[in-house]
Amino acid sequence: MKKFLALLMAGLMTVSMAACGGSGNEAAEGADEAAADGAKTYVIATDTAFPPFEFTNADGEFVGIDVDIINAIAEDQGFNVRIDSLGFDAALAAVQSGQADGVIAGMSITEERKEKFDFSDPYYTAEVTMAVAQGSDIKSYEDLNGTTVAVKTGTNGADYAKSIADQYGFTVKEFKDSPTMYQDVIAGNTAACFEDYPVMAYNVKQGAGLEIPEGTLAAGTDYGFAVSKGENAELLEAFQTGLANIKANGKYQEIVDNYTK
């Protein structure tokens, strides 16, 4: 019987180790291993692809401004994180259902969202900008008169473009994702596109075939870290304190500059 039990325990340990090794989620594995230090581990939900805030780089690593910020704050405050890359809508749902403790995903702080989430102070303010195909004759909003511009549905860029469409005499065409929107502009089907500046600037830097005319930045929106309404106050407070600390010691600016300059 003792021999049987020993073999059974060995088998269970082997299965457990195989499950951990086969997850493919380096962030989750790191958090599981770090949990041995006794620090609390929080599950943080995020988007899958919103560069430069969260995305998978050429080495297959999940990186970005949001990813680096939450990791830096966790280190500063002495807790561990398991980052779950779920997609934006799924990330919000995970927090509301209790499957995740918090969300950081380039999430704009809005009055509507405040009804369901408690937000940190803004950790990033994203201005909106216009981009055009390289070599385009469009140099200003005035040049958009009589044209059609591209926007990504449900974004700050879309809201801003619609708000000035009548003033500058252009029409708006919506797309479900940024790459398709960019290609439409590059192909000459639409005259320009609108998006949050850091997202646009990163894609221009990566050779998207677009350029940002001078003088086209406009007031944008504040991004915030969020927890479900009335839940995880301790995590929210730790985020706030950690954010202040990494701003004071220069780590925050180092992270932002790494992706935007």
C-alpha atoms as a PDB file:
ATOM      1  CA  MET A   1       0.000   0.000   0.000  1.00  0.00           C
ATOM      2  CA  LYS A   2       2.797   2.437   0.871  1.00  0.00           C
ATOM      3  CA  LYS A   3       4.501   1.663  -2.408  1.00  0.00           C
ATOM      4  CA  PHE A   4       1.239   2.251  -4.278  1.00  0.00           C
ATOM      5  CA  LEU A   5       0.682   5.595  -2.548  1.00  0.00           C
ATOM      6  CA  ALA A   6       4.227   6.701  -3.289  1.00  0.00           C
ATOM      7  CA  LEU A   7       3.800   5.869  -6.970  1.00  0.00           C
ATOM      8  CA  LEU A   8       0.452   7.671  -7.021  1.00  0.00           C
ATOM      9  CA  MET A   9       1.932  10.847  -5.492  1.00  0.00           C
ATOM     10  CA  ALA A  10       4.839  10.760  -7.940  1.00  0.00           C
ATOM     11  CA  GLY A  11       2.410  10.475 -10.812  1.00  0.00           C
ATOM     12  CA  LEU A  12       0.340  13.405  -9.612  1.00  0.00           C
ATOM     13  CA  MET A  13       3.454  15.552  -9.230  1.00  0.00           C
ATOM     14  CA  THR A  14       4.525  14.680 -12.775  1.00  0.00           C
ATOM     15  CA  VAL A  15       1.114  15.634 -14.183  1.00  0.00           C
ATOM     16  CA  SER A  16       1.144  18.897 -12.226  1.00  0.00           C
ATOM     17  CA  MET A  17       4.609  19.829 -13.479  1.00  0.00           C
ATOM     18  CA  ALA A  18       3.666  18.993 -17.064  1.00  0.00           C
ATOM     19  CA  ALA A  19       0.564  21.180 -16.837  1.00  0.00           C
ATOM     20  CA  CYS A  20       2.607  24.144 -15.644  1.00  0.00           C
ATOM     21  CA  GLY A  21       5.284  23.647 -18.272  1.00  0.00           C
ATOM     22  CA  GLY A  22       2.802  23.405 -21.129  1.00  0.00           C
ATOM     23  CA  SER A  23       0.733  26.520 -20.487  1.00  0.00           C
ATOM     24  CA  GLY A  24       2.689  28.733 -22.884  1.00  0.00           C
ATOM     25  CA  ASN A  25       1.882  31.724 -20.666  1.00  0.00           C
ATOM     26  CA  GLU A  26       5.208  32.986 -19.358  1.00  0.00           C
ATOM     27  CA  ALA A  27       3.588  35.663 -17.228  1.00  0.00           C
ATOM     28  CA  ALA A  28       1.336  33.111 -15.544  1.00  0.00           C
ATOM     29  CA  GLU A  29       4.213  30.707 -14.974  1.00  0.00           C
ATOM     30  CA  GLY A  30       6.343  33.457 -13.466  1.00  0.00           C
ATOM     31  CA  ALA A  31       3.586  34.456 -11.096  1.00  0.00           C
ATOM     32  CA  ASP A  32       3.031  30.838 -10.005  1.00  0.00           C
ATOM     33  CA  GLU A  33       6.697  30.390  -9.242  1.00  0.00           C
ATOM     34  CA  ALA A  34       6.975  33.725  -7.451  1.00  0.00           C
ATOM     35  CA  ALA A  35       4.010  32.859  -5.249  1.00  0.00           C
ATOM     36  CA  ALA A  36       6.407  30.741  -3.202  1.00  0.00           C
ATOM     37  CA  ASP A  37       7.829  33.947  -1.723  1.00  0.00           C
ATOM     38  CA  GLY A  38       4.599  34.474   0.195  1.00  0.00           C
ATOM     39  CA  ALA A  39       3.606  37.649  -1.665  1.00  0.00           C
ATOM     40  CA  LYS A  40       0.047  37.973  -2.900  1.00  0.00           C
ATOM     41  CA  THR A  41      -0.586  37.236  -6.567  1.00  0.00           C
ATOM     42  CA  TYR A  42      -3.165  39.294  -8.459  1.00  0.00           C
ATOM     43  CA  VAL A  43      -4.661  38.279 -11.783  1.00  0.00           C
ATOM     44  CA  ILE A  44      -4.520  41.236 -14.170  1.00  0.00           C
ATOM     45  CA  ALA A  45      -6.569  41.097 -17.370  1.00  0.00           C
ATOM     46  CA  THR A  46      -5.539  42.960 -20.497  1.00  0.00           C
ATOM     47  CA  ASP A  47      -6.045  43.220 -24.238  1.00  0.00           C
ATOM     48  CA  THR A  48      -4.279  41.001 -26.752  1.00  0.00           C
ATOM     49  CA  ALA A  49      -3.071  43.515 -29.344  1.00  0.00           C
ATOM     50  CA  PHE A  50      -3.066  47.252 -28.747  1.00  0.00           C
ATOM     51  CA  PRO A  51       0.499  48.361 -29.482  1.00  0.00           C
ATOM     52  CA  PRO A  52       2.373  50.015 -27.906  1.00  0.00           C
ATOM     53  CA  PHE A  53       0.333  49.307 -24.761  1.00  0.00           C
ATOM     54  CA  GLU A  54       0.083  45.517 -25.056  1.00  0.00           C
ATOM     55  CA  PHE A  55       1.212  43.228 -27.865  1.00  0.00           C
ATOM     56  CA  THR A  56       3.427  40.263 -28.702  1.00  0.00           C
ATOM     57  CA  ASN A  57       6.853  41.256 -29.994  1.00  0.00           C
ATOM     58  CA  ALA A  58       9.020  39.540 -32.604  1.00  0.00           C
ATOM     59  CA  ASP A  59      10.480  37.260 -29.931  1.00  0.00           C
ATOM     60  CA  GLY A  60       7.040  36.018 -28.924  1.00  0.00           C
ATOM     61  CA  GLU A  61       7.082  37.977 -25.652  1.00  0.00           C
ATOM     62  CA  PHE A  62       3.993  39.779 -24.393  1.00  0.00           C
ATOM     63  CA  VAL A  63       5.137  43.368 -23.824  1.00  0.00           C
ATOM     64  CA  GLY A  64       3.992  46.981 -23.932  1.00  0.00           C
ATOM     65  CA  ILE A  65       3.553  50.116 -21.851  1.00  0.00           C
ATOM     66  CA  ASP A  66       0.706  48.625 -19.793  1.00  0.00           C
ATOM     67  CA  VAL A  67       2.523  45.335 -19.265  1.00  0.00           C
ATOM     68  CA  ASP A  68       5.728  47.026 -18.138  1.00  0.00           C
ATOM     69  CA  ILE A  69       3.896  49.483 -15.893  1.00  0.00           C
ATOM     70  CA  ILE A  70       1.939  46.839 -13.977  1.00  0.00           C
ATOM     71  CA  ASN A  71       5.078  44.716 -13.594  1.00  0.00           C
ATOM     72  CA  ALA A  72       7.078  47.713 -12.338  1.00  0.00           C
ATOM     73  CA  ILE A  73       4.348  48.631  -9.857  1.00  0.00           C
ATOM     74  CA  ALA A  74       4.106  45.028  -8.655  1.00  0.00           C
ATOM     75  CA  GLU A  75       7.852  44.987  -8.018  1.00  0.00           C
ATOM     76  CA  ASP A  76       7.691  48.338  -6.235  1.00  0.00           C
ATOM     77  CA  GLN A  77       4.779  47.284  -4.032  1.00  0.00           C
ATOM     78  CA  GLY A  78       5.880  43.729  -3.348  1.00  0.00           C
ATOM     79  CA  PHE A  79       3.087  41.752  -4.945  1.00  0.00           C
ATOM     80  CA  ASN A  80       3.035  39.331  -7.880  1.00  0.00           C
ATOM     81  CA  VAL A  81       0.946  39.501 -11.037  1.00  0.00           C
ATOM     82  CA  ARG A  82      -0.365  36.925 -13.469  1.00  0.00           C
ATOM     83  CA  ILE A  83      -1.177  38.709 -16.697  1.00  0.00           C
ATOM     84  CA  ASP A  84      -4.067  37.245 -18.686  1.00  0.00           C
ATOM     85  CA  SER A  85      -4.187  38.407 -22.324  1.00  0.00           C
ATOM     86  CA  LEU A  86      -7.872  38.087 -23.148  1.00  0.00           C
ATOM     87  CA  GLY A  87      -8.955  40.836 -25.530  1.00  0.00           C
ATOM     88  CA  PHE A  88     -10.495  44.105 -24.366  1.00  0.00           C
ATOM     89  CA  ASP A  89     -14.142  43.089 -23.935  1.00  0.00           C
ATOM     90  CA  ALA A  90     -13.195  39.759 -22.361  1.00  0.00           C
ATOM     91  CA  ALA A  91     -10.812  41.527 -19.975  1.00  0.00           C
ATOM     92  CA  LEU A  92     -13.594  43.766 -18.680  1.00  0.00           C
ATOM     93  CA  ALA A  93     -15.918  40.791 -18.321  1.00  0.00           C
ATOM     94  CA  ALA A  94     -13.270  38.840 -16.399  1.00  0.00           C
ATOM     95  CA  VAL A  95     -12.931  41.619 -13.832  1.00  0.00           C
ATOM     96  CA  GLN A  96     -16.683  42.010 -13.443  1.00  0.00           C
ATOM     97  CA  SER A  97     -17.150  38.249 -12.975  1.00  0.00           C
ATOM     98  CA  GLY A  98     -14.338  37.987 -10.435  1.00  0.00           C
ATOM     99  CA  GLN A  99     -12.081  35.895 -12.674  1.00  0.00           C
ATOM    100  CA  ALA A 100      -9.515  38.714 -12.664  1.00  0.00           C
ATOM    101  CA  ASP A 101      -8.640  41.224  -9.956  1.00  0.00           C
ATOM    102  CA  GLY A 102      -7.919  44.210 -12.175  1.00  0.00           C
ATOM    103  CA  VAL A 103      -7.583  45.387 -15.761  1.00  0.00           C
ATOM    104  CA  ILE A 104      -4.992  47.514 -17.531  1.00  0.00           C
ATOM    105  CA  ALA A 105      -5.633  47.728 -21.273  1.00  0.00           C
ATOM    106  CA  GLY A 106      -5.477  51.288 -22.564  1.00  0.00           C
ATOM    107  CA  MET A 107      -8.879  51.707 -20.944  1.00  0.00           C
ATOM    108  CA  SER A 108     -10.348  55.193 -21.139  1.00  0.00           C
ATOM    109  CA  ILE A 109     -11.848  56.576 -17.948  1.00  0.00           C
ATOM    110  CA  THR A 110     -15.467  57.434 -18.741  1.00  0.00           C
ATOM    111  CA  GLU A 111     -18.496  58.264 -16.639  1.00  0.00           C
ATOM    112  CA  GLU A 112     -20.315  55.230 -18.003  1.00  0.00           C
ATOM    113  CA  ARG A 113     -17.488  52.877 -17.009  1.00  0.00           C
ATOM    114  CA  LYS A 114     -17.276  54.442 -13.553  1.00  0.00           C
ATOM    115  CA  GLU A 115     -20.677  52.909 -12.852  1.00  0.00           C
ATOM    116  CA  LYS A 116     -19.104  49.439 -13.036  1.00  0.00           C
ATOM    117  CA  PHE A 117     -15.440  50.019 -12.180  1.00  0.00           C
ATOM    118  CA  ASP A 118     -13.296  51.899  -9.680  1.00  0.00           C
ATOM    119  CA  PHE A 119     -10.440  53.638 -11.492  1.00  0.00           C
ATOM    120  CA  SER A 120      -6.974  54.718 -10.516  1.00  0.00           C
ATOM    121  CA  ASP A 121      -5.774  58.195 -11.269  1.00  0.00           C
ATOM    122  CA  PRO A 122      -4.859  58.425 -14.969  1.00  0.00           C
ATOM    123  CA  TYR A 123      -1.564  56.698 -15.755  1.00  0.00           C
ATOM    124  CA  TYR A 124      -1.488  57.953 -19.352  1.00  0.00           C
ATOM    125  CA  THR A 125      -3.180  60.716 -21.323  1.00  0.00           C
ATOM    126  CA  ALA A 126      -3.514  59.801 -24.981  1.00  0.00           C
ATOM    127  CA  GLU A 127      -4.046  62.615 -27.442  1.00  0.00           C
ATOM    128  CA  VAL A 128      -5.798  61.918 -30.732  1.00  0.00           C
ATOM    129  CA  THR A 129      -4.045  62.498 -34.020  1.00  0.00           C
ATOM    130  CA  MET A 130      -4.588  62.230 -37.749  1.00  0.00           C
ATOM    131  CA  ALA A 131      -2.331  60.237 -40.063  1.00  0.00           C
ATOM    132  CA  VAL A 132      -2.132  60.189 -43.852  1.00  0.00           C
ATOM    133  CA  ALA A 133      -0.323  58.087 -46.434  1.00  0.00           C
ATOM    134  CA  GLN A 134       3.326  58.991 -46.894  1.00  0.00           C
ATOM    135  CA  GLY A 135       3.644  61.757 -49.476  1.00  0.00           C
ATOM    136  CA  SER A 136      -0.020  62.755 -49.185  1.00  0.00           C
ATOM    137  CA  ASP A 137      -1.129  66.303 -50.040  1.00  0.00           C
ATOM    138  CA  ILE A 138      -3.283  66.339 -46.893  1.00  0.00           C
ATOM    139  CA  LYS A 139      -1.437  68.569 -44.408  1.00  0.00           C
ATOM    140  CA  SER A 140      -4.229  69.844 -42.173  1.00  0.00           C
ATOM    141  CA  TYR A 141      -7.843  69.309 -41.180  1.00  0.00           C
ATOM    142  CA  GLU A 142      -8.855  71.968 -43.713  1.00  0.00           C
ATOM    143  CA  ASP A 143      -7.489  69.766 -46.500  1.00  0.00           C
ATOM    144  CA  LEU A 144     -10.017  67.063 -45.601  1.00  0.00           C
ATOM    145  CA  ASN A 145     -12.921  69.007 -47.087  1.00  0.00           C
ATOM    146  CA  GLY A 146     -14.853  66.758 -49.472  1.00  0.00           C
ATOM    147  CA  THR A 147     -12.928  63.606 -48.546  1.00  0.00           C
ATOM    148  CA  THR A 148     -13.651  60.439 -46.547  1.00  0.00           C
ATOM    149  CA  VAL A 149     -11.580  59.542 -43.485  1.00  0.00           C
ATOM    150  CA  ALA A 150     -11.109  56.177 -41.783  1.00  0.00           C
ATOM    151  CA  VAL A 151     -11.669  55.416 -38.098  1.00  0.00           C
ATOM    152  CA  LYS A 152     -11.691  52.323 -35.888  1.00  0.00           C
ATOM    153  CA  THR A 153     -15.138  51.666 -34.428  1.00  0.00           C
ATOM    154  CA  GLY A 154     -15.580  52.526 -30.760  1.00  0.00           C
ATOM    155  CA  THR A 155     -12.329  54.446 -30.322  1.00  0.00           C
ATOM    156  CA  ASN A 156     -11.474  57.952 -29.165  1.00  0.00           C
ATOM    157  CA  GLY A 157     -10.227  58.645 -32.673  1.00  0.00           C
ATOM    158  CA  ALA A 158     -13.621  57.734 -34.101  1.00  0.00           C
ATOM    159  CA  ASP A 159     -15.431  59.966 -31.611  1.00  0.00           C
ATOM    160  CA  TYR A 160     -13.138  62.892 -32.346  1.00  0.00           C
ATOM    161  CA  ALA A 161     -13.364  62.526 -36.136  1.00  0.00           C
ATOM    162  CA  LYS A 162     -17.154  62.453 -35.958  1.00  0.00           C
ATOM    163  CA  SER A 163     -17.170  65.542 -33.738  1.00  0.00           C
ATOM    164  CA  ILE A 164     -15.308  67.649 -36.327  1.00  0.00           C
ATOM    165  CA  ALA A 165     -16.661  66.073 -39.530  1.00  0.00           C
ATOM    166  CA  ASP A 166     -19.237  68.779 -40.214  1.00  0.00           C
ATOM    167  CA  GLN A 167     -16.803  71.563 -39.346  1.00  0.00           C
ATOM    168  CA  TYR A 168     -14.211  70.381 -41.865  1.00  0.00           C
ATOM    169  CA  GLY A 169     -16.582  68.882 -44.451  1.00  0.00           C
ATOM    170  CA  PHE A 170     -15.554  65.232 -44.529  1.00  0.00           C
ATOM    171  CA  THR A 171     -17.369  61.930 -44.096  1.00  0.00           C
ATOM    172  CA  VAL A 172     -16.375  59.057 -41.815  1.00  0.00           C
ATOM    173  CA  LYS A 173     -15.873  55.389 -42.744  1.00  0.00           C
ATOM    174  CA  GLU A 174     -15.564  52.864 -39.908  1.00  0.00           C
ATOM    175  CA  PHE A 175     -13.325  49.797 -39.646  1.00  0.00           C
ATOM    176  CA  LYS A 176     -13.174  47.008 -37.071  1.00  0.00           C
ATOM    177  CA  ASP A 177      -9.388  46.981 -36.699  1.00  0.00           C
ATOM    178  CA  SER A 178      -6.452  49.326 -37.121  1.00  0.00           C
ATOM    179  CA  PRO A 179      -4.409  47.382 -39.740  1.00  0.00           C
ATOM    180  CA  THR A 180      -7.353  47.345 -42.169  1.00  0.00           C
ATOM    181  CA  MET A 181      -7.946  51.036 -41.509  1.00  0.00           C
ATOM    182  CA  TYR A 182      -4.291  51.858 -42.216  1.00  0.00           C
ATOM    183  CA  GLN A 183      -4.278  49.869 -45.453  1.00  0.00           C
ATOM    184  CA  ASP A 184      -7.362  51.692 -46.682  1.00  0.00           C
ATOM    185  CA  VAL A 185      -5.554  55.020 -46.244  1.00  0.00           C
ATOM    186  CA  ILE A 186      -2.323  53.759 -47.801  1.00  0.00           C
ATOM    187  CA  ALA A 187      -4.290  52.429 -50.792  1.00  0.00           C
ATOM    188  CA  GLY A 188      -5.830  55.871 -51.291  1.00  0.00           C
ATOM    189  CA  ASN A 189      -9.412  54.823 -50.636  1.00  0.00           C
ATOM    190  CA  THR A 190      -9.647  57.195 -47.687  1.00  0.00           C
ATOM    191  CA  ALA A 191      -7.741  60.428 -47.179  1.00  0.00           C
ATOM    192  CA  ALA A 192      -6.692  60.024 -43.538  1.00  0.00           C
ATOM    193  CA  CYS A 193      -7.298  58.072 -40.351  1.00  0.00           C
ATOM    194  CA  PHE A 194      -7.714  59.077 -36.714  1.00  0.00           C
ATOM    195  CA  GLU A 195      -6.402  57.215 -33.676  1.00  0.00           C
ATOM    196  CA  ASP A 196      -4.795  57.752 -30.266  1.00  0.00           C
ATOM    197  CA  TYR A 197      -1.394  59.356 -30.816  1.00  0.00           C
ATOM    198  CA  PRO A 198       0.822  56.766 -29.075  1.00  0.00           C
ATOM    199  CA  VAL A 199      -0.803  53.953 -31.060  1.00  0.00           C
ATOM    200  CA  MET A 200      -0.416  55.842 -34.324  1.00  0.00           C
ATOM    201  CA  ALA A 201       3.135  56.981 -33.547  1.00  0.00           C
ATOM    202  CA  TYR A 202       4.211  53.431 -32.747  1.00  0.00           C
ATOM    203  CA  ASN A 203       2.819  52.075 -36.011  1.00  0.00           C
ATOM    204  CA  VAL A 204       4.457  54.882 -37.994  1.00  0.00           C
ATOM    205  CA  LYS A 205       7.739  54.042 -36.247  1.00  0.00           C
ATOM    206  CA  GLN A 206       7.296  50.402 -37.261  1.00  0.00           C
ATOM    207  CA  GLY A 207       6.989  51.374 -40.931  1.00  0.00           C
ATOM    208  CA  ALA A 208       3.229  51.392 -41.438  1.00  0.00           C
ATOM    209  CA  GLY A 209       3.502  53.607 -44.528  1.00  0.00           C
ATOM    210  CA  LEU A 210       1.834  56.559 -42.818  1.00  0.00           C
ATOM    211  CA  GLU A 211       2.904  59.965 -41.572  1.00  0.00           C
ATOM    212  CA  ILE A 212       1.457  62.373 -39.030  1.00  0.00           C
ATOM    213  CA  PRO A 213       1.035  65.955 -40.294  1.00  0.00           C
ATOM    214  CA  GLU A 214       2.194  68.678 -37.922  1.00  0.00           C
ATOM    215  CA  GLY A 215      -0.465  70.446 -35.898  1.00  0.00           C
ATOM    216  CA  THR A 216      -2.997  67.612 -35.922  1.00  0.00           C
ATOM    217  CA  LEU A 217      -2.821  66.595 -32.262  1.00  0.00           C
ATOM    218  CA  ALA A 218      -6.041  67.094 -30.340  1.00  0.00           C
ATOM    219  CA  ALA A 219      -7.168  66.582 -26.761  1.00  0.00           C
ATOM    220  CA  GLY A 220      -7.692  62.920 -26.101  1.00  0.00           C
ATOM    221  CA  THR A 221      -8.540  60.754 -23.138  1.00  0.00           C
ATOM    222  CA  ASP A 222      -7.121  59.488 -19.856  1.00  0.00           C
ATOM    223  CA  TYR A 223      -6.275  55.802 -19.428  1.00  0.00           C
ATOM    224  CA  GLY A 224      -6.807  54.209 -16.028  1.00  0.00           C
ATOM    225  CA  PHE A 225      -6.199  50.960 -14.178  1.00  0.00           C
ATOM    226  CA  ALA A 226      -9.497  49.541 -12.923  1.00  0.00           C
ATOM    227  CA  VAL A 227     -11.017  47.063 -10.503  1.00  0.00           C
ATOM    228  CA  SER A 228     -14.612  45.971 -10.197  1.00  0.00           C
ATOM    229  CA  LYS A 229     -16.819  48.485  -8.392  1.00  0.00           C
ATOM    230  CA  GLY A 230     -16.358  48.114  -4.633  1.00  0.00           C
ATOM    231  CA  GLU A 231     -13.793  45.303  -4.948  1.00  0.00           C
ATOM    232  CA  ASN A 232     -10.013  45.002  -4.535  1.00  0.00           C
ATOM    233  CA  ALA A 233      -9.519  48.383  -2.868  1.00  0.00           C
ATOM    234  CA  GLU A 234      -6.139  47.174  -1.588  1.00  0.00           C
ATOM    235  CA  LEU A 235      -4.926  46.459  -5.127  1.00  0.00           C
ATOM    236  CA  LEU A 236      -6.175  49.827  -6.371  1.00  0.00           C
ATOM    237  CA  GLU A 237      -4.365  51.622  -3.543  1.00  0.00           C
ATOM    238  CA  ALA A 238      -1.171  49.681  -4.244  1.00  0.00           C
ATOM    239  CA  PHE A 239      -1.384  50.636  -7.914  1.00  0.00           C
ATOM    240  CA  GLN A 240      -1.790  54.300  -7.003  1.00  0.00           C
ATOM    241  CA  THR A 241       1.163  54.279  -4.612  1.00  0.00           C
ATOM    242  CA  GLY A 242       3.352  52.292  -6.974  1.00  0.00           C
ATOM    243  CA  LEU A 243       2.512  54.563  -9.900  1.00  0.00           C
ATOM    244  CA  ALA A 244       3.570  57.620  -7.888  1.00  0.00           C
ATOM    245  CA  ASN A 245       6.813  55.885  -6.936  1.00  0.00           C
ATOM    246  CA  ILE A 246       7.818  54.807 -10.451  1.00  0.00           C
ATOM    247  CA  LYS A 247       7.049  58.296 -11.739  1.00  0.00           C
ATOM    248  CA  ALA A 248       9.253  59.794  -9.019  1.00  0.00           C
ATOM    249  CA  ASN A 249      12.191  57.451  -9.654  1.00  0.00           C
ATOM    250  CA  GLY A 250      12.075  57.795 -13.444  1.00  0.00           C
ATOM    251  CA  LYS A 251      11.030  54.216 -14.219  1.00  0.00           C
ATOM    252  CA  TYR A 252       7.659  55.298 -15.630  1.00  0.00           C
ATOM    253  CA  GLN A 253       9.180  57.692 -18.164  1.00  0.00           C
ATOM    254  CA  GLU A 254      11.761  55.095 -19.119  1.00  0.00           C
ATOM    255  CA  ILE A 255       8.962  52.645 -19.937  1.00  0.00           C
ATOM    256  CA  VAL A 256       6.982  55.147 -22.000  1.00  0.00           C
ATOM    257  CA  ASP A 257      10.048  56.382 -23.901  1.00  0.00           C
ATOM    258  CA  ASN A 258      11.016  52.801 -24.750  1.00  0.00           C
ATOM    259  CA  TYR A 259       7.861  52.415 -26.842  1.00  0.00           C
ATOM    260  CA  THR A 260       7.193  55.927 -28.125  1.00  0.00           C
ATOM    261  CA  LYS A 261      10.602  57.338 -29.065  1.00  0.00           C
END
